[in-house]
Protein backbone atom coordinates (compact mmCIF):
# COMPACT_ATOMS: atom_id res chain seq x y z
CA MET A 1 -117.08 -40.85 -45.38
CA ASP A 2 -120.03 -39.68 -43.38
CA SER A 3 -123.46 -39.03 -44.86
CA SER A 4 -123.21 -35.26 -44.73
CA TRP A 5 -120.15 -35.30 -46.97
CA ARG A 6 -121.89 -37.75 -49.29
CA MET A 7 -124.91 -35.41 -49.36
CA ALA A 8 -122.68 -32.39 -50.09
CA ILE A 9 -120.94 -34.23 -52.95
CA THR A 10 -124.31 -35.23 -54.43
CA ALA A 11 -125.69 -31.77 -54.09
CA THR A 12 -122.63 -30.27 -55.69
CA ARG A 13 -122.61 -32.75 -58.51
CA HIS A 14 -126.35 -31.89 -59.09
CA CYS A 15 -125.44 -28.13 -59.07
CA LEU A 16 -122.46 -28.82 -61.45
CA THR A 17 -124.85 -30.51 -63.92
CA GLY A 18 -127.14 -27.54 -64.07
CA CYS A 19 -124.26 -25.09 -64.25
CA ALA A 20 -122.52 -27.04 -67.03
CA ILE A 21 -125.70 -27.29 -69.13
CA GLY A 22 -126.39 -23.52 -68.67
CA GLU A 23 -122.89 -22.45 -69.38
CA VAL A 24 -122.42 -24.57 -72.54
CA LEU A 25 -125.86 -23.51 -73.79
CA GLY A 26 -125.14 -19.82 -72.91
CA MET A 27 -121.83 -20.02 -74.87
CA VAL A 28 -123.50 -21.73 -77.84
CA LEU A 29 -126.23 -19.07 -78.02
CA ALA A 30 -123.85 -16.13 -77.35
CA THR A 31 -121.57 -17.43 -80.13
CA TRP A 32 -124.55 -17.95 -82.50
CA TRP A 33 -125.80 -14.45 -81.71
CA GLY A 34 -122.37 -12.86 -81.97
CA TRP A 35 -122.39 -11.53 -78.34
CA HIS A 36 -119.13 -10.50 -76.61
CA ASP A 37 -117.57 -11.56 -73.26
CA ALA A 38 -119.71 -9.68 -70.73
CA ALA A 39 -123.02 -10.51 -72.40
CA ALA A 40 -121.93 -14.11 -72.98
CA ILE A 41 -120.93 -14.52 -69.36
CA ALA A 42 -124.24 -12.94 -68.19
CA LEU A 43 -126.23 -15.35 -70.29
CA ALA A 44 -124.19 -18.33 -69.25
CA VAL A 45 -124.61 -17.47 -65.59
CA ALA A 46 -128.37 -16.80 -65.95
CA LEU A 47 -128.81 -20.14 -67.66
CA ALA A 48 -126.63 -21.92 -65.09
CA PHE A 49 -128.95 -20.64 -62.32
CA PHE A 50 -132.02 -21.55 -64.40
CA PHE A 51 -130.91 -25.17 -65.05
CA GLY A 52 -129.42 -25.56 -61.52
CA TYR A 53 -132.81 -24.58 -60.03
CA LEU A 54 -134.74 -26.57 -62.65
CA LEU A 55 -133.07 -29.85 -61.71
CA THR A 56 -133.98 -29.42 -58.06
CA PHE A 57 -137.44 -28.12 -58.87
CA VAL A 58 -138.22 -31.13 -61.08
CA GLY A 59 -136.95 -33.46 -58.36
CA GLN A 60 -139.25 -31.75 -55.83
CA ARG A 61 -142.23 -31.96 -58.11
CA ARG A 62 -141.57 -35.69 -58.61
CA ALA A 63 -141.45 -36.07 -54.87
CA GLY A 64 -144.98 -34.63 -54.75
CA LEU A 65 -144.49 -31.06 -53.75
CA ASP A 66 -146.72 -28.31 -55.17
CA LEU A 67 -145.44 -25.68 -57.41
CA ARG A 68 -144.77 -22.99 -54.69
CA ALA A 69 -143.12 -25.41 -52.35
CA ALA A 70 -140.91 -26.85 -55.01
CA VAL A 71 -139.77 -23.35 -56.11
CA LYS A 72 -139.06 -22.40 -52.47
CA VAL A 73 -136.99 -25.56 -51.87
CA ALA A 74 -134.96 -25.08 -55.17
CA LEU A 75 -134.17 -21.47 -54.23
CA ALA A 76 -133.26 -22.42 -50.66
CA ALA A 77 -131.29 -25.46 -51.72
CA ASP A 78 -129.29 -24.12 -54.66
CA THR A 79 -128.76 -20.38 -54.51
CA VAL A 80 -125.54 -20.30 -52.58
CA SER A 81 -124.23 -23.43 -54.25
CA ILE A 82 -124.80 -22.07 -57.74
CA LEU A 83 -123.45 -18.67 -56.81
CA VAL A 84 -120.22 -20.09 -55.42
CA MET A 85 -119.80 -22.36 -58.39
CA GLU A 86 -120.37 -19.59 -60.91
CA VAL A 87 -118.06 -17.12 -59.21
CA VAL A 88 -115.18 -19.63 -59.02
CA ASP A 89 -115.86 -21.02 -62.45
CA ASN A 90 -115.96 -17.71 -64.23
CA ALA A 91 -112.96 -16.26 -62.21
CA PHE A 92 -110.99 -19.33 -63.37
CA LEU A 93 -112.04 -18.83 -67.06
CA LEU A 94 -111.09 -15.19 -66.85
CA LEU A 95 -107.64 -16.04 -65.48
CA VAL A 96 -106.82 -18.68 -68.16
CA PRO A 97 -105.14 -16.87 -71.06
CA GLY A 98 -107.32 -17.09 -74.16
CA ALA A 99 -110.17 -19.00 -72.51
CA MET A 100 -112.70 -16.19 -73.00
CA ALA A 101 -111.73 -15.75 -76.64
CA ALA A 102 -111.87 -19.54 -77.34
CA THR A 103 -114.75 -20.66 -79.52
CA LEU A 104 -116.79 -23.91 -79.19
CA ALA A 105 -114.68 -25.51 -81.93
CA ASP A 106 -111.56 -24.69 -79.96
CA GLY A 107 -110.11 -27.37 -77.64
CA LEU A 108 -109.07 -24.68 -75.17
CA PHE A 109 -112.74 -23.76 -74.59
CA TRP A 110 -113.61 -27.30 -73.50
CA VAL A 111 -110.43 -27.91 -71.49
CA SER A 112 -110.70 -24.61 -69.72
CA LEU A 113 -114.43 -25.07 -69.07
CA ALA A 114 -113.81 -28.67 -67.68
CA ALA A 115 -111.01 -27.34 -65.49
CA ALA A 116 -113.03 -24.42 -64.26
CA LEU A 117 -115.94 -26.64 -63.38
CA ALA A 118 -113.65 -29.12 -61.60
CA VAL A 119 -112.08 -26.30 -59.56
CA ALA A 120 -115.62 -24.91 -58.84
CA PHE A 121 -116.70 -28.45 -57.72
CA VAL A 122 -113.78 -28.79 -55.31
CA VAL A 123 -114.54 -25.30 -53.79
CA THR A 124 -118.28 -25.81 -53.64
CA VAL A 125 -118.41 -29.26 -51.90
CA PRO A 126 -117.13 -27.85 -48.55
CA VAL A 127 -119.58 -24.89 -48.84
CA ASN A 128 -122.44 -27.31 -49.28
CA HIS A 129 -121.23 -29.50 -46.50
CA TRP A 130 -121.07 -26.46 -44.17
CA MET A 131 -124.54 -25.41 -45.13
CA ILE A 132 -126.04 -28.93 -44.79
CA GLY A 133 -124.45 -29.16 -41.32
CA ARG A 134 -126.45 -26.06 -40.42
CA GLY A 135 -129.77 -27.28 -41.89
CA ARG A 136 -129.46 -25.10 -45.02
CA GLY A 137 -128.75 -25.74 -48.63
CA HIS A 138 -129.63 -29.26 -49.71
CA ALA A 139 -130.54 -30.24 -46.12
CA VAL A 140 -133.80 -28.36 -46.99
CA VAL A 141 -134.44 -30.85 -49.76
CA HIS A 142 -134.02 -33.82 -47.37
CA GLN A 143 -136.10 -32.22 -44.62
CA THR A 144 -138.86 -31.50 -47.15
CA HIS A 145 -138.79 -35.08 -48.40
CA ALA A 146 -138.90 -36.41 -44.78
CA ALA A 147 -141.82 -34.14 -43.86
CA HIS A 148 -143.68 -35.04 -47.07
CA HIS A 149 -143.35 -38.79 -46.50
CA GLN A 150 -144.68 -38.50 -42.91
CA HIS A 151 -148.06 -37.17 -44.04
């Protein structure tokens, strides 16, 4: 497997982690607050973007980038990846009978979320690979690290 595919898989796994944290937290909060489907999805998606960006941002700050540069890299690296993952993931959940009505105590919630994230992962890896091949997405992270280490 060539390095661009490895990079795409790593970038997607990273994105998946942020999306999973955001979605589970979103569902926990929405359930706790008694919110319905549309509001729950909106919160879960917003938190998925937040945590997806946060993971890249923290990595960039650790690599020595300043605040503005780290924010720019996170936005450039993750926006399309998170967007694709969230669209596929939520479409899948909407298609599974009962998945949106399932609660956190319900096995269907966890099984359908895991399946939705797995499908989203499989769809998002080639998207990330395509973007990396064009110097976009997570290629920006690696370019920034290379440029930073040369100074």
